[in-house]
Amino acid sequence: VAPGAHRRTDDPEVLAEHGREVTEAARRR
């Protein structure tokens, strides 16, 4: 959900995978 309460065009699975990448990169750091 983007600012303004409308749906983003990003694939939810892409967003989820990005989240996993961010947190795993944080773990390594």
mmCIF file of all heavy atoms, coordinates in Angstrom:
data_MODEL
# 
_entry.id   MODEL 
# 
loop_
_atom_site.group_PDB 
_atom_site.id 
_atom_site.type_symbol 
_atom_site.label_atom_id 
_atom_site.label_alt_id 
_atom_site.label_comp_id 
_atom_site.label_asym_id 
_atom_site.label_entity_id 
_atom_site.label_seq_id 
_atom_site.pdbx_PDB_ins_code 
_atom_site.Cartn_x 
_atom_site.Cartn_y 
_atom_site.Cartn_z 
_atom_site.occupancy 
_atom_site.B_iso_or_equiv 
_atom_site.pdbx_formal_charge 
_atom_site.auth_seq_id 
_atom_site.auth_comp_id 
_atom_site.auth_asym_id 
_atom_site.auth_atom_id 
_atom_site.pdbx_PDB_model_num 
ATOM 1   N N   . VAL A 1 1  ? 0.853  -1.185  0.000   1.00 0.00 ? 1  VAL A N   1 
ATOM 2   C CA  . VAL A 1 1  ? 0.000  0.000   0.000   1.00 0.00 ? 1  VAL A CA  1 
ATOM 3   C C   . VAL A 1 1  ? 0.887  1.232   0.000   1.00 0.00 ? 1  VAL A C   1 
ATOM 4   O O   . VAL A 1 1  ? 1.699  1.442   0.912   1.00 0.00 ? 1  VAL A O   1 
ATOM 5   C CB  . VAL A 1 1  ? -0.931 0.030   1.223   1.00 0.00 ? 1  VAL A CB  1 
ATOM 6   C CG1 . VAL A 1 1  ? -1.784 1.294   1.216   1.00 0.00 ? 1  VAL A CG1 1 
ATOM 7   C CG2 . VAL A 1 1  ? -1.820 -1.210  1.228   1.00 0.00 ? 1  VAL A CG2 1 
ATOM 8   N N   . ALA A 1 2  ? 0.783  2.042   -1.019  1.00 0.00 ? 2  ALA A N   1 
ATOM 9   C CA  . ALA A 1 2  ? 1.609  3.232   -1.153  1.00 0.00 ? 2  ALA A CA  1 
ATOM 10  C C   . ALA A 1 2  ? 0.985  4.392   -0.391  1.00 0.00 ? 2  ALA A C   1 
ATOM 11  O O   . ALA A 1 2  ? -0.196 4.358   -0.037  1.00 0.00 ? 2  ALA A O   1 
ATOM 12  C CB  . ALA A 1 2  ? 1.753  3.600   -2.632  1.00 0.00 ? 2  ALA A CB  1 
ATOM 13  N N   . PRO A 1 3  ? 1.776  5.455   -0.096  1.00 0.00 ? 3  PRO A N   1 
ATOM 14  C CA  . PRO A 1 3  ? 1.193  6.656   0.503   1.00 0.00 ? 3  PRO A CA  1 
ATOM 15  C C   . PRO A 1 3  ? 0.002  7.138   -0.320  1.00 0.00 ? 3  PRO A C   1 
ATOM 16  O O   . PRO A 1 3  ? 0.064  7.184   -1.546  1.00 0.00 ? 3  PRO A O   1 
ATOM 17  C CB  . PRO A 1 3  ? 2.352  7.658   0.465   1.00 0.00 ? 3  PRO A CB  1 
ATOM 18  C CG  . PRO A 1 3  ? 3.580  6.802   0.503   1.00 0.00 ? 3  PRO A CG  1 
ATOM 19  C CD  . PRO A 1 3  ? 3.226  5.580   -0.299  1.00 0.00 ? 3  PRO A CD  1 
ATOM 20  N N   . GLY A 1 4  ? -1.087 7.488   0.340   1.00 0.00 ? 4  GLY A N   1 
ATOM 21  C CA  . GLY A 1 4  ? -2.303 7.843   -0.355  1.00 0.00 ? 4  GLY A CA  1 
ATOM 22  C C   . GLY A 1 4  ? -3.298 6.694   -0.390  1.00 0.00 ? 4  GLY A C   1 
ATOM 23  O O   . GLY A 1 4  ? -4.378 6.806   -0.953  1.00 0.00 ? 4  GLY A O   1 
ATOM 24  N N   . ALA A 1 5  ? -2.906 5.552   0.222   1.00 0.00 ? 5  ALA A N   1 
ATOM 25  C CA  . ALA A 1 5  ? -3.791 4.393   0.395   1.00 0.00 ? 5  ALA A CA  1 
ATOM 26  C C   . ALA A 1 5  ? -4.191 3.732   -0.908  1.00 0.00 ? 5  ALA A C   1 
ATOM 27  O O   . ALA A 1 5  ? -5.254 3.137   -1.020  1.00 0.00 ? 5  ALA A O   1 
ATOM 28  C CB  . ALA A 1 5  ? -5.040 4.784   1.178   1.00 0.00 ? 5  ALA A CB  1 
ATOM 29  N N   . HIS A 1 6  ? -3.312 3.803   -1.952  1.00 0.00 ? 6  HIS A N   1 
ATOM 30  C CA  . HIS A 1 6  ? -3.593 3.034   -3.159  1.00 0.00 ? 6  HIS A CA  1 
ATOM 31  C C   . HIS A 1 6  ? -2.543 1.938   -3.307  1.00 0.00 ? 6  HIS A C   1 
ATOM 32  O O   . HIS A 1 6  ? -1.455 2.004   -2.738  1.00 0.00 ? 6  HIS A O   1 
ATOM 33  C CB  . HIS A 1 6  ? -3.599 3.927   -4.399  1.00 0.00 ? 6  HIS A CB  1 
ATOM 34  C CG  . HIS A 1 6  ? -2.302 4.629   -4.659  1.00 0.00 ? 6  HIS A CG  1 
ATOM 35  N ND1 . HIS A 1 6  ? -1.987 5.846   -4.069  1.00 0.00 ? 6  HIS A ND1 1 
ATOM 36  C CD2 . HIS A 1 6  ? -1.235 4.284   -5.428  1.00 0.00 ? 6  HIS A CD2 1 
ATOM 37  C CE1 . HIS A 1 6  ? -0.786 6.220   -4.470  1.00 0.00 ? 6  HIS A CE1 1 
ATOM 38  N NE2 . HIS A 1 6  ? -0.313 5.296   -5.283  1.00 0.00 ? 6  HIS A NE2 1 
ATOM 39  N N   . ARG A 1 7  ? -2.891 0.907   -4.054  1.00 0.00 ? 7  ARG A N   1 
ATOM 40  C CA  . ARG A 1 7  ? -2.016 -0.248  -4.205  1.00 0.00 ? 7  ARG A CA  1 
ATOM 41  C C   . ARG A 1 7  ? -0.832 0.082   -5.106  1.00 0.00 ? 7  ARG A C   1 
ATOM 42  O O   . ARG A 1 7  ? -0.970 0.751   -6.118  1.00 0.00 ? 7  ARG A O   1 
ATOM 43  C CB  . ARG A 1 7  ? -2.783 -1.428  -4.802  1.00 0.00 ? 7  ARG A CB  1 
ATOM 44  C CG  . ARG A 1 7  ? -3.848 -1.976  -3.883  1.00 0.00 ? 7  ARG A CG  1 
ATOM 45  C CD  . ARG A 1 7  ? -3.238 -2.748  -2.742  1.00 0.00 ? 7  ARG A CD  1 
ATOM 46  N NE  . ARG A 1 7  ? -4.249 -3.173  -1.776  1.00 0.00 ? 7  ARG A NE  1 
ATOM 47  C CZ  . ARG A 1 7  ? -3.984 -3.850  -0.664  1.00 0.00 ? 7  ARG A CZ  1 
ATOM 48  N NH1 . ARG A 1 7  ? -2.744 -4.158  -0.370  1.00 0.00 ? 7  ARG A NH1 1 
ATOM 49  N NH2 . ARG A 1 7  ? -4.957 -4.189  0.162   1.00 0.00 ? 7  ARG A NH2 1 
ATOM 50  N N   . ARG A 1 8  ? 0.351  -0.414  -4.679  1.00 0.00 ? 8  ARG A N   1 
ATOM 51  C CA  . ARG A 1 8  ? 1.527  -0.269  -5.507  1.00 0.00 ? 8  ARG A CA  1 
ATOM 52  C C   . ARG A 1 8  ? 1.523  -1.334  -6.591  1.00 0.00 ? 8  ARG A C   1 
ATOM 53  O O   . ARG A 1 8  ? 0.865  -2.376  -6.474  1.00 0.00 ? 8  ARG A O   1 
ATOM 54  C CB  . ARG A 1 8  ? 2.786  -0.394  -4.649  1.00 0.00 ? 8  ARG A CB  1 
ATOM 55  C CG  . ARG A 1 8  ? 2.963  0.756   -3.696  1.00 0.00 ? 8  ARG A CG  1 
ATOM 56  C CD  . ARG A 1 8  ? 3.906  0.454   -2.567  1.00 0.00 ? 8  ARG A CD  1 
ATOM 57  N NE  . ARG A 1 8  ? 5.197  -0.031  -3.024  1.00 0.00 ? 8  ARG A NE  1 
ATOM 58  C CZ  . ARG A 1 8  ? 6.243  -0.218  -2.217  1.00 0.00 ? 8  ARG A CZ  1 
ATOM 59  N NH1 . ARG A 1 8  ? 6.112  0.027   -0.932  1.00 0.00 ? 8  ARG A NH1 1 
ATOM 60  N NH2 . ARG A 1 8  ? 7.378  -0.649  -2.679  1.00 0.00 ? 8  ARG A NH2 1 
ATOM 61  N N   . THR A 1 9  ? 2.272  -1.082  -7.636  1.00 0.00 ? 9  THR A N   1 
ATOM 62  C CA  . THR A 1 9  ? 2.327  -2.033  -8.746  1.00 0.00 ? 9  THR A CA  1 
ATOM 63  C C   . THR A 1 9  ? 3.398  -3.103  -8.526  1.00 0.00 ? 9  THR A C   1 
ATOM 64  O O   . THR A 1 9  ? 3.472  -4.059  -9.288  1.00 0.00 ? 9  THR A O   1 
ATOM 65  C CB  . THR A 1 9  ? 2.620  -1.291  -10.065 1.00 0.00 ? 9  THR A CB  1 
ATOM 66  O OG1 . THR A 1 9  ? 3.858  -0.572  -9.941  1.00 0.00 ? 9  THR A OG1 1 
ATOM 67  C CG2 . THR A 1 9  ? 1.498  -0.310  -10.389 1.00 0.00 ? 9  THR A CG2 1 
ATOM 68  N N   . ASP A 1 10 ? 4.214  -2.959  -7.486  1.00 0.00 ? 10 ASP A N   1 
ATOM 69  C CA  . ASP A 1 10 ? 5.259  -3.937  -7.219  1.00 0.00 ? 10 ASP A CA  1 
ATOM 70  C C   . ASP A 1 10 ? 4.656  -5.294  -6.883  1.00 0.00 ? 10 ASP A C   1 
ATOM 71  O O   . ASP A 1 10 ? 3.645  -5.382  -6.188  1.00 0.00 ? 10 ASP A O   1 
ATOM 72  C CB  . ASP A 1 10 ? 6.140  -3.486  -6.048  1.00 0.00 ? 10 ASP A CB  1 
ATOM 73  C CG  . ASP A 1 10 ? 6.650  -2.060  -6.208  1.00 0.00 ? 10 ASP A CG  1 
ATOM 74  O OD1 . ASP A 1 10 ? 5.839  -1.138  -6.011  1.00 0.00 ? 10 ASP A OD1 1 
ATOM 75  O OD2 . ASP A 1 10 ? 7.833  -1.895  -6.536  1.00 0.00 ? 10 ASP A OD2 1 
ATOM 76  N N   . ASP A 1 11 ? 5.290  -6.341  -7.360  1.00 0.00 ? 11 ASP A N   1 
ATOM 77  C CA  . ASP A 1 11 ? 4.887  -7.698  -7.014  1.00 0.00 ? 11 ASP A CA  1 
ATOM 78  C C   . ASP A 1 11 ? 5.152  -7.911  -5.524  1.00 0.00 ? 11 ASP A C   1 
ATOM 79  O O   . ASP A 1 11 ? 6.272  -7.713  -5.053  1.00 0.00 ? 11 ASP A O   1 
ATOM 80  C CB  . ASP A 1 11 ? 5.714  -8.682  -7.844  1.00 0.00 ? 11 ASP A CB  1 
ATOM 81  C CG  . ASP A 1 11 ? 5.278  -10.129 -7.635  1.00 0.00 ? 11 ASP A CG  1 
ATOM 82  O OD1 . ASP A 1 11 ? 4.694  -10.425 -6.578  1.00 0.00 ? 11 ASP A OD1 1 
ATOM 83  O OD2 . ASP A 1 11 ? 5.548  -10.951 -8.524  1.00 0.00 ? 11 ASP A OD2 1 
ATOM 84  N N   . PRO A 1 12 ? 4.130  -8.333  -4.749  1.00 0.00 ? 12 PRO A N   1 
ATOM 85  C CA  . PRO A 1 12 ? 4.346  -8.546  -3.314  1.00 0.00 ? 12 PRO A CA  1 
ATOM 86  C C   . PRO A 1 12 ? 5.495  -9.501  -3.010  1.00 0.00 ? 12 PRO A C   1 
ATOM 87  O O   . PRO A 1 12 ? 6.217  -9.318  -2.034  1.00 0.00 ? 12 PRO A O   1 
ATOM 88  C CB  . PRO A 1 12 ? 3.008  -9.106  -2.830  1.00 0.00 ? 12 PRO A CB  1 
ATOM 89  C CG  . PRO A 1 12 ? 2.014  -8.539  -3.781  1.00 0.00 ? 12 PRO A CG  1 
ATOM 90  C CD  . PRO A 1 12 ? 2.717  -8.515  -5.112  1.00 0.00 ? 12 PRO A CD  1 
ATOM 91  N N   . GLU A 1 13 ? 5.680  -10.522 -3.842  1.00 0.00 ? 13 GLU A N   1 
ATOM 92  C CA  . GLU A 1 13 ? 6.774  -11.459 -3.594  1.00 0.00 ? 13 GLU A CA  1 
ATOM 93  C C   . GLU A 1 13 ? 8.135  -10.784 -3.809  1.00 0.00 ? 13 GLU A C   1 
ATOM 94  O O   . GLU A 1 13 ? 9.107  -11.102 -3.116  1.00 0.00 ? 13 GLU A O   1 
ATOM 95  C CB  . GLU A 1 13 ? 6.648  -12.684 -4.495  1.00 0.00 ? 13 GLU A CB  1 
ATOM 96  C CG  . GLU A 1 13 ? 7.710  -13.752 -4.239  1.00 0.00 ? 13 GLU A CG  1 
ATOM 97  C CD  . GLU A 1 13 ? 7.840  -14.128 -2.771  1.00 0.00 ? 13 GLU A CD  1 
ATOM 98  O OE1 . GLU A 1 13 ? 6.813  -14.242 -2.069  1.00 0.00 ? 13 GLU A OE1 1 
ATOM 99  O OE2 . GLU A 1 13 ? 8.992  -14.318 -2.304  1.00 0.00 ? 13 GLU A OE2 1 
ATOM 100 N N   . VAL A 1 14 ? 8.174  -9.841  -4.746  1.00 0.00 ? 14 VAL A N   1 
ATOM 101 C CA  . VAL A 1 14 ? 9.422  -9.085  -4.949  1.00 0.00 ? 14 VAL A CA  1 
ATOM 102 C C   . VAL A 1 14 ? 9.722  -8.238  -3.718  1.00 0.00 ? 14 VAL A C   1 
ATOM 103 O O   . VAL A 1 14 ? 10.864 -8.152  -3.257  1.00 0.00 ? 14 VAL A O   1 
ATOM 104 C CB  . VAL A 1 14 ? 9.317  -8.196  -6.207  1.00 0.00 ? 14 VAL A CB  1 
ATOM 105 C CG1 . VAL A 1 14 ? 10.513 -7.251  -6.309  1.00 0.00 ? 14 VAL A CG1 1 
ATOM 106 C CG2 . VAL A 1 14 ? 9.230  -9.067  -7.458  1.00 0.00 ? 14 VAL A CG2 1 
ATOM 107 N N   . LEU A 1 15 ? 8.687  -7.613  -3.166  1.00 0.00 ? 15 LEU A N   1 
ATOM 108 C CA  . LEU A 1 15 ? 8.867  -6.817  -1.955  1.00 0.00 ? 15 LEU A CA  1 
ATOM 109 C C   . LEU A 1 15 ? 9.316  -7.697  -0.792  1.00 0.00 ? 15 LEU A C   1 
ATOM 110 O O   . LEU A 1 15 ? 10.193 -7.316  -0.013  1.00 0.00 ? 15 LEU A O   1 
ATOM 111 C CB  . LEU A 1 15 ? 7.569  -6.107  -1.588  1.00 0.00 ? 15 LEU A CB  1 
ATOM 112 C CG  . LEU A 1 15 ? 7.069  -5.037  -2.563  1.00 0.00 ? 15 LEU A CG  1 
ATOM 113 C CD1 . LEU A 1 15 ? 5.696  -4.544  -2.121  1.00 0.00 ? 15 LEU A CD1 1 
ATOM 114 C CD2 . LEU A 1 15 ? 8.051  -3.887  -2.651  1.00 0.00 ? 15 LEU A CD2 1 
ATOM 115 N N   . ALA A 1 16 ? 8.711  -8.878  -0.670  1.00 0.00 ? 16 ALA A N   1 
ATOM 116 C CA  . ALA A 1 16 ? 9.081  -9.789  0.404   1.00 0.00 ? 16 ALA A CA  1 
ATOM 117 C C   . ALA A 1 16 ? 10.523 -10.265 0.248   1.00 0.00 ? 16 ALA A C   1 
ATOM 118 O O   . ALA A 1 16 ? 11.277 -10.340 1.227   1.00 0.00 ? 16 ALA A O   1 
ATOM 119 C CB  . ALA A 1 16 ? 8.126  -10.979 0.434   1.00 0.00 ? 16 ALA A CB  1 
ATOM 120 N N   . GLU A 1 17 ? 10.917 -10.588 -0.973  1.00 0.00 ? 17 GLU A N   1 
ATOM 121 C CA  . GLU A 1 17 ? 12.285 -11.027 -1.209  1.00 0.00 ? 17 GLU A CA  1 
ATOM 122 C C   . GLU A 1 17 ? 13.276 -9.908  -0.903  1.00 0.00 ? 17 GLU A C   1 
ATOM 123 O O   . GLU A 1 17 ? 14.347 -10.146 -0.338  1.00 0.00 ? 17 GLU A O   1 
ATOM 124 C CB  . GLU A 1 17 ? 12.443 -11.488 -2.663  1.00 0.00 ? 17 GLU A CB  1 
ATOM 125 C CG  . GLU A 1 17 ? 13.855 -11.934 -3.036  1.00 0.00 ? 17 GLU A CG  1 
ATOM 126 C CD  . GLU A 1 17 ? 14.348 -13.098 -2.175  1.00 0.00 ? 17 GLU A CD  1 
ATOM 127 O OE1 . GLU A 1 17 ? 13.518 -13.890 -1.691  1.00 0.00 ? 17 GLU A OE1 1 
ATOM 128 O OE2 . GLU A 1 17 ? 15.582 -13.209 -2.001  1.00 0.00 ? 17 GLU A OE2 1 
ATOM 129 N N   . HIS A 1 18 ? 12.911 -8.682  -1.270  1.00 0.00 ? 18 HIS A N   1 
ATOM 130 C CA  . HIS A 1 18 ? 13.771 -7.545  -0.945  1.00 0.00 ? 18 HIS A CA  1 
ATOM 131 C C   . HIS A 1 18 ? 13.930 -7.421  0.574   1.00 0.00 ? 18 HIS A C   1 
ATOM 132 O O   . HIS A 1 18 ? 15.032 -7.154  1.074   1.00 0.00 ? 18 HIS A O   1 
ATOM 133 C CB  . HIS A 1 18 ? 13.172 -6.253  -1.508  1.00 0.00 ? 18 HIS A CB  1 
ATOM 134 C CG  . HIS A 1 18 ? 13.936 -5.028  -1.121  1.00 0.00 ? 18 HIS A CG  1 
ATOM 135 N ND1 . HIS A 1 18 ? 15.167 -4.711  -1.660  1.00 0.00 ? 18 HIS A ND1 1 
ATOM 136 C CD2 . HIS A 1 18 ? 13.659 -4.034  -0.232  1.00 0.00 ? 18 HIS A CD2 1 
ATOM 137 C CE1 . HIS A 1 18 ? 15.605 -3.583  -1.131  1.00 0.00 ? 18 HIS A CE1 1 
ATOM 138 N NE2 . HIS A 1 18 ? 14.707 -3.146  -0.263  1.00 0.00 ? 18 HIS A NE2 1 
ATOM 139 N N   . GLY A 1 19 ? 12.846 -7.626  1.303   1.00 0.00 ? 19 GLY A N   1 
ATOM 140 C CA  . GLY A 1 19 ? 12.927 -7.573  2.751   1.00 0.00 ? 19 GLY A CA  1 
ATOM 141 C C   . GLY A 1 19 ? 13.864 -8.617  3.318   1.00 0.00 ? 19 GLY A C   1 
ATOM 142 O O   . GLY A 1 19 ? 14.635 -8.340  4.242   1.00 0.00 ? 19 GLY A O   1 
ATOM 143 N N   . ARG A 1 20 ? 13.800 -9.824  2.769   1.00 0.00 ? 20 ARG A N   1 
ATOM 144 C CA  . ARG A 1 20 ? 14.705 -10.878 3.232   1.00 0.00 ? 20 ARG A CA  1 
ATOM 145 C C   . ARG A 1 20 ? 16.156 -10.521 2.922   1.00 0.00 ? 20 ARG A C   1 
ATOM 146 O O   . ARG A 1 20 ? 17.057 -10.764 3.740   1.00 0.00 ? 20 ARG A O   1 
ATOM 147 C CB  . ARG A 1 20 ? 14.328 -12.213 2.595   1.00 0.00 ? 20 ARG A CB  1 
ATOM 148 C CG  . ARG A 1 20 ? 13.001 -12.776 3.115   1.00 0.00 ? 20 ARG A CG  1 
ATOM 149 C CD  . ARG A 1 20 ? 12.766 -14.191 2.629   1.00 0.00 ? 20 ARG A CD  1 
ATOM 150 N NE  . ARG A 1 20 ? 12.440 -14.239 1.209   1.00 0.00 ? 20 ARG A NE  1 
ATOM 151 C CZ  . ARG A 1 20 ? 11.205 -14.184 0.727   1.00 0.00 ? 20 ARG A CZ  1 
ATOM 152 N NH1 . ARG A 1 20 ? 10.173 -14.070 1.550   1.00 0.00 ? 20 ARG A NH1 1 
ATOM 153 N NH2 . ARG A 1 20 ? 10.991 -14.265 -0.573  1.00 0.00 ? 20 ARG A NH2 1 
ATOM 154 N N   . GLU A 1 21 ? 16.381 -9.934  1.748   1.00 0.00 ? 21 GLU A N   1 
ATOM 155 C CA  . GLU A 1 21 ? 17.745 -9.532  1.370   1.00 0.00 ? 21 GLU A CA  1 
ATOM 156 C C   . GLU A 1 21 ? 18.271 -8.445  2.299   1.00 0.00 ? 21 GLU A C   1 
ATOM 157 O O   . GLU A 1 21 ? 19.435 -8.475  2.715   1.00 0.00 ? 21 GLU A O   1 
ATOM 158 C CB  . GLU A 1 21 ? 17.759 -9.040  -0.080  1.00 0.00 ? 21 GLU A CB  1 
ATOM 159 C CG  . GLU A 1 21 ? 17.509 -10.133 -1.098  1.00 0.00 ? 21 GLU A CG  1 
ATOM 160 C CD  . GLU A 1 21 ? 17.342 -9.578  -2.504  1.00 0.00 ? 21 GLU A CD  1 
ATOM 161 O OE1 . GLU A 1 21 ? 17.333 -8.333  -2.647  1.00 0.00 ? 21 GLU A OE1 1 
ATOM 162 O OE2 . GLU A 1 21 ? 17.231 -10.369 -3.447  1.00 0.00 ? 21 GLU A OE2 1 
ATOM 163 N N   . VAL A 1 22 ? 17.418 -7.477  2.629   1.00 0.00 ? 22 VAL A N   1 
ATOM 164 C CA  . VAL A 1 22 ? 17.834 -6.388  3.514   1.00 0.00 ? 22 VAL A CA  1 
ATOM 165 C C   . VAL A 1 22 ? 18.222 -6.920  4.886   1.00 0.00 ? 22 VAL A C   1 
ATOM 166 O O   . VAL A 1 22 ? 19.264 -6.562  5.452   1.00 0.00 ? 22 VAL A O   1 
ATOM 167 C CB  . VAL A 1 22 ? 16.708 -5.336  3.646   1.00 0.00 ? 22 VAL A CB  1 
ATOM 168 C CG1 . VAL A 1 22 ? 16.991 -4.377  4.802   1.00 0.00 ? 22 VAL A CG1 1 
ATOM 169 C CG2 . VAL A 1 22 ? 16.565 -4.554  2.350   1.00 0.00 ? 22 VAL A CG2 1 
ATOM 170 N N   . THR A 1 23 ? 17.392 -7.795  5.445   1.00 0.00 ? 23 THR A N   1 
ATOM 171 C CA  . THR A 1 23 ? 17.671 -8.276  6.799   1.00 0.00 ? 23 THR A CA  1 
ATOM 172 C C   . THR A 1 23 ? 18.855 -9.242  6.825   1.00 0.00 ? 23 THR A C   1 
ATOM 173 O O   . THR A 1 23 ? 19.618 -9.259  7.796   1.00 0.00 ? 23 THR A O   1 
ATOM 174 C CB  . THR A 1 23 ? 16.427 -8.928  7.417   1.00 0.00 ? 23 THR A CB  1 
ATOM 175 O OG1 . THR A 1 23 ? 15.917 -9.935  6.526   1.00 0.00 ? 23 THR A OG1 1 
ATOM 176 C CG2 . THR A 1 23 ? 15.348 -7.889  7.677   1.00 0.00 ? 23 THR A CG2 1 
ATOM 177 N N   . GLU A 1 24 ? 19.039 -10.029 5.776   1.00 0.00 ? 24 GLU A N   1 
ATOM 178 C CA  . GLU A 1 24 ? 20.199 -10.916 5.744   1.00 0.00 ? 24 GLU A CA  1 
ATOM 179 C C   . GLU A 1 24 ? 21.484 -10.122 5.572   1.00 0.00 ? 24 GLU A C   1 
ATOM 180 O O   . GLU A 1 24 ? 22.521 -10.455 6.160   1.00 0.00 ? 24 GLU A O   1 
ATOM 181 C CB  . GLU A 1 24 ? 20.045 -11.959 4.641   1.00 0.00 ? 24 GLU A CB  1 
ATOM 182 C CG  . GLU A 1 24 ? 19.083 -13.077 4.986   1.00 0.00 ? 24 GLU A CG  1 
ATOM 183 C CD  . GLU A 1 24 ? 19.442 -13.729 6.318   1.00 0.00 ? 24 GLU A CD  1 
ATOM 184 O OE1 . GLU A 1 24 ? 20.622 -14.129 6.507   1.00 0.00 ? 24 GLU A OE1 1 
ATOM 185 O OE2 . GLU A 1 24 ? 18.559 -13.836 7.182   1.00 0.00 ? 24 GLU A OE2 1 
ATOM 186 N N   . ALA A 1 25 ? 21.435 -9.059  4.761   1.00 0.00 ? 25 ALA A N   1 
ATOM 187 C CA  . ALA A 1 25 ? 22.603 -8.188  4.633   1.00 0.00 ? 25 ALA A CA  1 
ATOM 188 C C   . ALA A 1 25 ? 22.923 -7.531  5.971   1.00 0.00 ? 25 ALA A C   1 
ATOM 189 O O   . ALA A 1 25 ? 24.093 -7.364  6.347   1.00 0.00 ? 25 ALA A O   1 
ATOM 190 C CB  . ALA A 1 25 ? 22.361 -7.126  3.564   1.00 0.00 ? 25 ALA A CB  1 
ATOM 191 N N   . ALA A 1 26 ? 21.881 -7.172  6.718   1.00 0.00 ? 26 ALA A N   1 
ATOM 192 C CA  . ALA A 1 26 ? 22.078 -6.587  8.050   1.00 0.00 ? 26 ALA A CA  1 
ATOM 193 C C   . ALA A 1 26 ? 22.724 -7.602  8.982   1.00 0.00 ? 26 ALA A C   1 
ATOM 194 O O   . ALA A 1 26 ? 23.631 -7.268  9.756   1.00 0.00 ? 26 ALA A O   1 
ATOM 195 C CB  . ALA A 1 26 ? 20.737 -6.117  8.614   1.00 0.00 ? 26 ALA A CB  1 
ATOM 196 N N   . ARG A 1 27 ? 22.271 -8.843  8.925   1.00 0.00 ? 27 ARG A N   1 
ATOM 197 C CA  . ARG A 1 27 ? 22.851 -9.889  9.775   1.00 0.00 ? 27 ARG A CA  1 
ATOM 198 C C   . ARG A 1 27 ? 24.349 -10.043 9.488   1.00 0.00 ? 27 ARG A C   1 
ATOM 199 O O   . ARG A 1 27 ? 25.167 -10.147 10.406  1.00 0.00 ? 27 ARG A O   1 
ATOM 200 C CB  . ARG A 1 27 ? 22.138 -11.221 9.549   1.00 0.00 ? 27 ARG A CB  1 
ATOM 201 C CG  . ARG A 1 27 ? 22.603 -12.316 10.510  1.00 0.00 ? 27 ARG A CG  1 
ATOM 202 C CD  . ARG A 1 27 ? 22.264 -13.699 9.974   1.00 0.00 ? 27 ARG A CD  1 
ATOM 203 N NE  . ARG A 1 27 ? 20.834 -13.909 9.844   1.00 0.00 ? 27 ARG A NE  1 
ATOM 204 C CZ  . ARG A 1 27 ? 20.050 -14.339 10.817  1.00 0.00 ? 27 ARG A CZ  1 
ATOM 205 N NH1 . ARG A 1 27 ? 20.561 -14.582 12.014  1.00 0.00 ? 27 ARG A NH1 1 
ATOM 206 N NH2 . ARG A 1 27 ? 18.774 -14.542 10.600  1.00 0.00 ? 27 ARG A NH2 1 
ATOM 207 N N   . ARG A 1 28 ? 24.700 -10.049 8.196   1.00 0.00 ? 28 ARG A N   1 
ATOM 208 C CA  . ARG A 1 28 ? 26.112 -10.207 7.839   1.00 0.00 ? 28 ARG A CA  1 
ATOM 209 C C   . ARG A 1 28 ? 26.934 -9.018  8.339   1.00 0.00 ? 28 ARG A C   1 
ATOM 210 O O   . ARG A 1 28 ? 28.066 -9.188  8.829   1.00 0.00 ? 28 ARG A O   1 
ATOM 211 C CB  . ARG A 1 28 ? 26.261 -10.348 6.322   1.00 0.00 ? 28 ARG A CB  1 
ATOM 212 C CG  . ARG A 1 28 ? 25.679 -11.659 5.771   1.00 0.00 ? 28 ARG A CG  1 
ATOM 213 C CD  . ARG A 1 28 ? 26.112 -11.877 4.342   1.00 0.00 ? 28 ARG A CD  1 
ATOM 214 N NE  . ARG A 1 28 ? 25.609 -10.844 3.448   1.00 0.00 ? 28 ARG A NE  1 
ATOM 215 C CZ  . ARG A 1 28 ? 24.441 -10.913 2.817   1.00 0.00 ? 28 ARG A CZ  1 
ATOM 216 N NH1 . ARG A 1 28 ? 23.632 -11.954 3.011   1.00 0.00 ? 28 ARG A NH1 1 
ATOM 217 N NH2 . ARG A 1 28 ? 24.046 -9.942  2.000   1.00 0.00 ? 28 ARG A NH2 1 
ATOM 218 N N   . ARG A 1 29 ? 26.382 -7.813  8.226   1.00 0.00 ? 29 ARG A N   1 
ATOM 219 C CA  . ARG A 1 29 ? 27.114 -6.623  8.673   1.00 0.00 ? 29 ARG A CA  1 
ATOM 220 C C   . ARG A 1 29 ? 27.355 -6.672  10.185  1.00 0.00 ? 29 ARG A C   1 
ATOM 221 O O   . ARG A 1 29 ? 28.454 -6.362  10.651  1.00 0.00 ? 29 ARG A O   1 
ATOM 222 C CB  . ARG A 1 29 ? 26.331 -5.359  8.294   1.00 0.00 ? 29 ARG A CB  1 
ATOM 223 C CG  . ARG A 1 29 ? 27.045 -4.059  8.690   1.00 0.00 ? 29 ARG A CG  1 
ATOM 224 C CD  . ARG A 1 29 ? 26.263 -2.838  8.240   1.00 0.00 ? 29 ARG A CD  1 
ATOM 225 N NE  . ARG A 1 29 ? 26.924 -1.616  8.653   1.00 0.00 ? 29 ARG A NE  1 
ATOM 226 C CZ  . ARG A 1 29 ? 27.850 -0.975  7.967   1.00 0.00 ? 29 ARG A CZ  1 
ATOM 227 N NH1 . ARG A 1 29 ? 28.249 -1.461  6.782   1.00 0.00 ? 29 ARG A NH1 1 
ATOM 228 N NH2 . ARG A 1 29 ? 28.413 0.140   8.406   1.00 0.00 ? 29 ARG A NH2 1 
# 
